[in-house]
C-alpha atoms as a PDB file:
ATOM      1  CA  UNK A   1      95.058  95.330  94.648  1.00  0.00           C
ATOM      2  CA  UNK A   2      98.436  97.077  94.303  1.00  0.00           C
ATOM      3  CA  UNK A   3     101.531  95.453  95.537  1.00  0.00           C
ATOM      4  CA  UNK A   4     104.971  96.957  96.568  1.00  0.00           C
ATOM      5  CA  UNK A   5     108.462  95.773  97.907  1.00  0.00           C
ATOM      6  CA  UNK A   6     109.968  97.457 100.865  1.00  0.00           C
ATOM      7  CA  UNK A   7     113.652  97.225 100.582  1.00  0.00           C
ATOM      8  CA  UNK A   8     115.455  96.523 104.078  1.00  0.00           C
ATOM      9  CA  UNK A   9     112.438  97.139 106.178  1.00  0.00           C
ATOM     10  CA  UNK A  10     114.003  96.844 109.449  1.00  0.00           C
ATOM     11  CA  UNK A  11     111.644  96.562 112.164  1.00  0.00           C
ATOM     12  CA  UNK A  12     108.846  97.469 109.943  1.00  0.00           C
ATOM     13  CA  UNK A  13     108.029 100.674 111.354  1.00  0.00           C
ATOM     14  CA  UNK A  14     108.385 102.749 108.210  1.00  0.00           C
ATOM     15  CA  UNK A  15     105.997 100.243 105.931  1.00  0.00           C
ATOM     16  CA  UNK A  16     103.331  99.778 108.719  1.00  0.00           C
ATOM     17  CA  UNK A  17     101.589 103.037 107.896  1.00  0.00           C
ATOM     18  CA  UNK A  18     101.509 102.421 104.334  1.00  0.00           C
ATOM     19  CA  UNK A  19     101.132  98.698 104.295  1.00  0.00           C
ATOM     20  CA  UNK A  20      97.407  99.047 104.465  1.00  0.00           C
ATOM     21  CA  UNK A  21      97.254 100.938 100.674  1.00  0.00           C
ATOM     22  CA  UNK A  22      98.656  97.726  99.235  1.00  0.00           C
ATOM     23  CA  UNK A  23      96.962  94.016  98.772  1.00  0.00           C
ATOM     24  CA  UNK A  24     100.569  92.882  99.656  1.00  0.00           C
ATOM     25  CA  UNK A  25     103.950  94.356 100.864  1.00  0.00           C
ATOM     26  CA  UNK A  26     107.327  92.279 100.390  1.00  0.00           C
ATOM     27  CA  UNK A  27     109.653  93.349 102.952  1.00  0.00           C
ATOM     28  CA  UNK A  28     113.274  92.592 102.560  1.00  0.00           C
ATOM     29  CA  UNK A  29     115.976  92.454 105.072  1.00  0.00           C
ATOM     30  CA  UNK A  30     119.454  90.218 105.199  1.00  0.00           C
ATOM     31  CA  UNK A  31     119.182  88.921 108.877  1.00  0.00           C
ATOM     32  CA  UNK A  32     116.886  86.121 110.164  1.00  0.00           C
ATOM     33  CA  UNK A  33     116.005  87.929 113.684  1.00  0.00           C
ATOM     34  CA  UNK A  34     114.436  91.138 111.535  1.00  0.00           C
ATOM     35  CA  UNK A  35     112.866  88.596 109.077  1.00  0.00           C
ATOM     36  CA  UNK A  36     111.095  86.809 112.137  1.00  0.00           C
ATOM     37  CA  UNK A  37     110.247  90.102 113.523  1.00  0.00           C
ATOM     38  CA  UNK A  38     108.841  91.501 110.175  1.00  0.00           C
ATOM     39  CA  UNK A  39     106.465  88.171 109.914  1.00  0.00           C
ATOM     40  CA  UNK A  40     104.990  88.838 113.256  1.00  0.00           C
ATOM     41  CA  UNK A  41     104.534  92.536 112.600  1.00  0.00           C
ATOM     42  CA  UNK A  42     100.594  93.231 112.297  1.00  0.00           C
ATOM     43  CA  UNK A  43      99.096  95.007 109.512  1.00  0.00           C
ATOM     44  CA  UNK A  44      95.602  96.487 108.747  1.00  0.00           C
ATOM     45  CA  UNK A  45      94.479  94.813 105.544  1.00  0.00           C
ATOM     46  CA  UNK A  46      97.882  93.759 103.712  1.00  0.00           C
ATOM     47  CA  UNK A  47      99.432  90.631 103.445  1.00  0.00           C
ATOM     48  CA  UNK A  48     103.092  91.356 104.560  1.00  0.00           C
ATOM     49  CA  UNK A  49     105.334  88.761 103.434  1.00  0.00           C
ATOM     50  CA  UNK A  50     109.215  88.799 104.754  1.00  0.00           C
ATOM     51  CA  UNK A  51     111.999  87.609 102.759  1.00  0.00           C
ATOM     52  CA  UNK A  52     115.450  87.424 103.792  1.00  0.00           C
ATOM     53  CA  UNK A  53     117.427  88.317 100.654  1.00  0.00           C
ATOM     54  CA  UNK A  54     119.833  90.919  99.205  1.00  0.00           C
ATOM     55  CA  UNK A  55     118.827  90.165  95.486  1.00  0.00           C
ATOM     56  CA  UNK A  56     115.698  92.160  94.232  1.00  0.00           C
ATOM     57  CA  UNK A  57     114.737  89.769  91.598  1.00  0.00           C
ATOM     58  CA  UNK A  58     111.620  88.581  90.828  1.00  0.00           C
ATOM     59  CA  UNK A  59     112.852  85.107  91.560  1.00  0.00           C
ATOM     60  CA  UNK A  60     113.954  86.093  95.301  1.00  0.00           C
ATOM     61  CA  UNK A  61     110.768  88.108  95.752  1.00  0.00           C
ATOM     62  CA  UNK A  62     108.351  86.021  94.374  1.00  0.00           C
ATOM     63  CA  UNK A  63     106.682  88.217  92.205  1.00  0.00           C
ATOM     64  CA  UNK A  64     107.550  89.487  88.498  1.00  0.00           C
ATOM     65  CA  UNK A  65     106.190  93.015  88.778  1.00  0.00           C
ATOM     66  CA  UNK A  66     105.154  95.635  91.518  1.00  0.00           C
ATOM     67  CA  UNK A  67     103.329  98.771  91.365  1.00  0.00           C
ATOM     68  CA  UNK A  68     105.368 100.813  93.784  1.00  0.00           C
ATOM     69  CA  UNK A  69     108.638 100.085  95.308  1.00  0.00           C
ATOM     70  CA  UNK A  70     110.228 101.360  98.726  1.00  0.00           C
ATOM     71  CA  UNK A  71     113.748 102.100  99.457  1.00  0.00           C
ATOM     72  CA  UNK A  72     113.443 104.023 102.716  1.00  0.00           C
ATOM     73  CA  UNK A  73     116.917 104.753 104.326  1.00  0.00           C
ATOM     74  CA  UNK A  74     119.036 102.126 102.733  1.00  0.00           C
ATOM     75  CA  UNK A  75     120.543 103.589  99.655  1.00  0.00           C
ATOM     76  CA  UNK A  76     123.278 105.201 101.847  1.00  0.00           C
ATOM     77  CA  UNK A  77     124.331 101.877 103.479  1.00  0.00           C
ATOM     78  CA  UNK A  78     124.351  99.502 101.000  1.00  0.00           C
ATOM     79  CA  UNK A  79     127.331  98.089  98.584  1.00  0.00           C
ATOM     80  CA  UNK A  80     126.232  99.320  95.228  1.00  0.00           C
ATOM     81  CA  UNK A  81     123.339 101.880  95.445  1.00  0.00           C
ATOM     82  CA  UNK A  82     123.040 101.924  91.654  1.00  0.00           C
ATOM     83  CA  UNK A  83     122.609  98.322  91.113  1.00  0.00           C
ATOM     84  CA  UNK A  84     119.865  98.242  93.942  1.00  0.00           C
ATOM     85  CA  UNK A  85     118.002 101.136  92.147  1.00  0.00           C
ATOM     86  CA  UNK A  86     118.508  99.598  88.849  1.00  0.00           C
ATOM     87  CA  UNK A  87     116.895  96.336  90.243  1.00  0.00           C
ATOM     88  CA  UNK A  88     114.205  97.941  91.635  1.00  0.00           C
ATOM     89  CA  UNK A  89     113.318  99.950  88.260  1.00  0.00           C
ATOM     90  CA  UNK A  90     113.241  96.528  86.602  1.00  0.00           C
ATOM     91  CA  UNK A  91     110.378  95.414  89.139  1.00  0.00           C
ATOM     92  CA  UNK A  92     108.302  98.135  88.002  1.00  0.00           C
ATOM     93  CA  UNK A  93     105.850  98.533  85.051  1.00  0.00           C
ATOM     94  CA  UNK A  94     105.932 101.643  82.880  1.00  0.00           C
ATOM     95  CA  UNK A  95     104.730 104.214  84.885  1.00  0.00           C
ATOM     96  CA  UNK A  96     105.271 102.612  88.254  1.00  0.00           C
ATOM     97  CA  UNK A  97     106.608 104.665  91.200  1.00  0.00           C
ATOM     98  CA  UNK A  98     110.077 104.201  92.742  1.00  0.00           C
ATOM     99  CA  UNK A  99     109.899 106.006  96.384  1.00  0.00           C
ATOM    100  CA  UNK A 100     113.360 106.617  97.585  1.00  0.00           C
ATOM    101  CA  UNK A 101     114.314 108.469 100.917  1.00  0.00           C
ATOM    102  CA  UNK A 102     117.934 108.911 102.110  1.00  0.00           C
ATOM    103  CA  UNK A 103     119.413 110.399 105.160  1.00  0.00           C
ATOM    104  CA  UNK A 104     121.137 113.770 105.046  1.00  0.00           C
ATOM    105  CA  UNK A 105     123.809 114.194 105.082  1.00  0.00           C
ATOM    106  CA  UNK A 106     124.687 111.355 102.587  1.00  0.00           C
ATOM    107  CA  UNK A 107     127.997 110.836 104.038  1.00  0.00           C
ATOM    108  CA  UNK A 108     128.094 110.931 107.738  1.00  0.00           C
ATOM    109  CA  UNK A 109     131.906 111.688 107.967  1.00  0.00           C
ATOM    110  CA  UNK A 110     134.382 113.532 105.557  1.00  0.00           C
END
């Protein structure tokens, strides 16, 4: 079954609906309370692996490659969005999908 990372999964509300499409979903967060909450999130059929990390590397995520990567509503809040996209791209095989969603407007204040 396919595998996917979800960067900055928050409380898991965005990954829960699609998690059942994958054999495993590795969700990342920066804070321990959110990681604990993600570990307790029920999924239907998928293995949800919560990791506290800012690094999107095979070592940090425990897997060399993923079929699809999700970056939902995170790029506008991260320190280096270009680096994040590059790291996610490196985790994908040729023809892998990177699903990105951003909040618009990109900048909340002028």
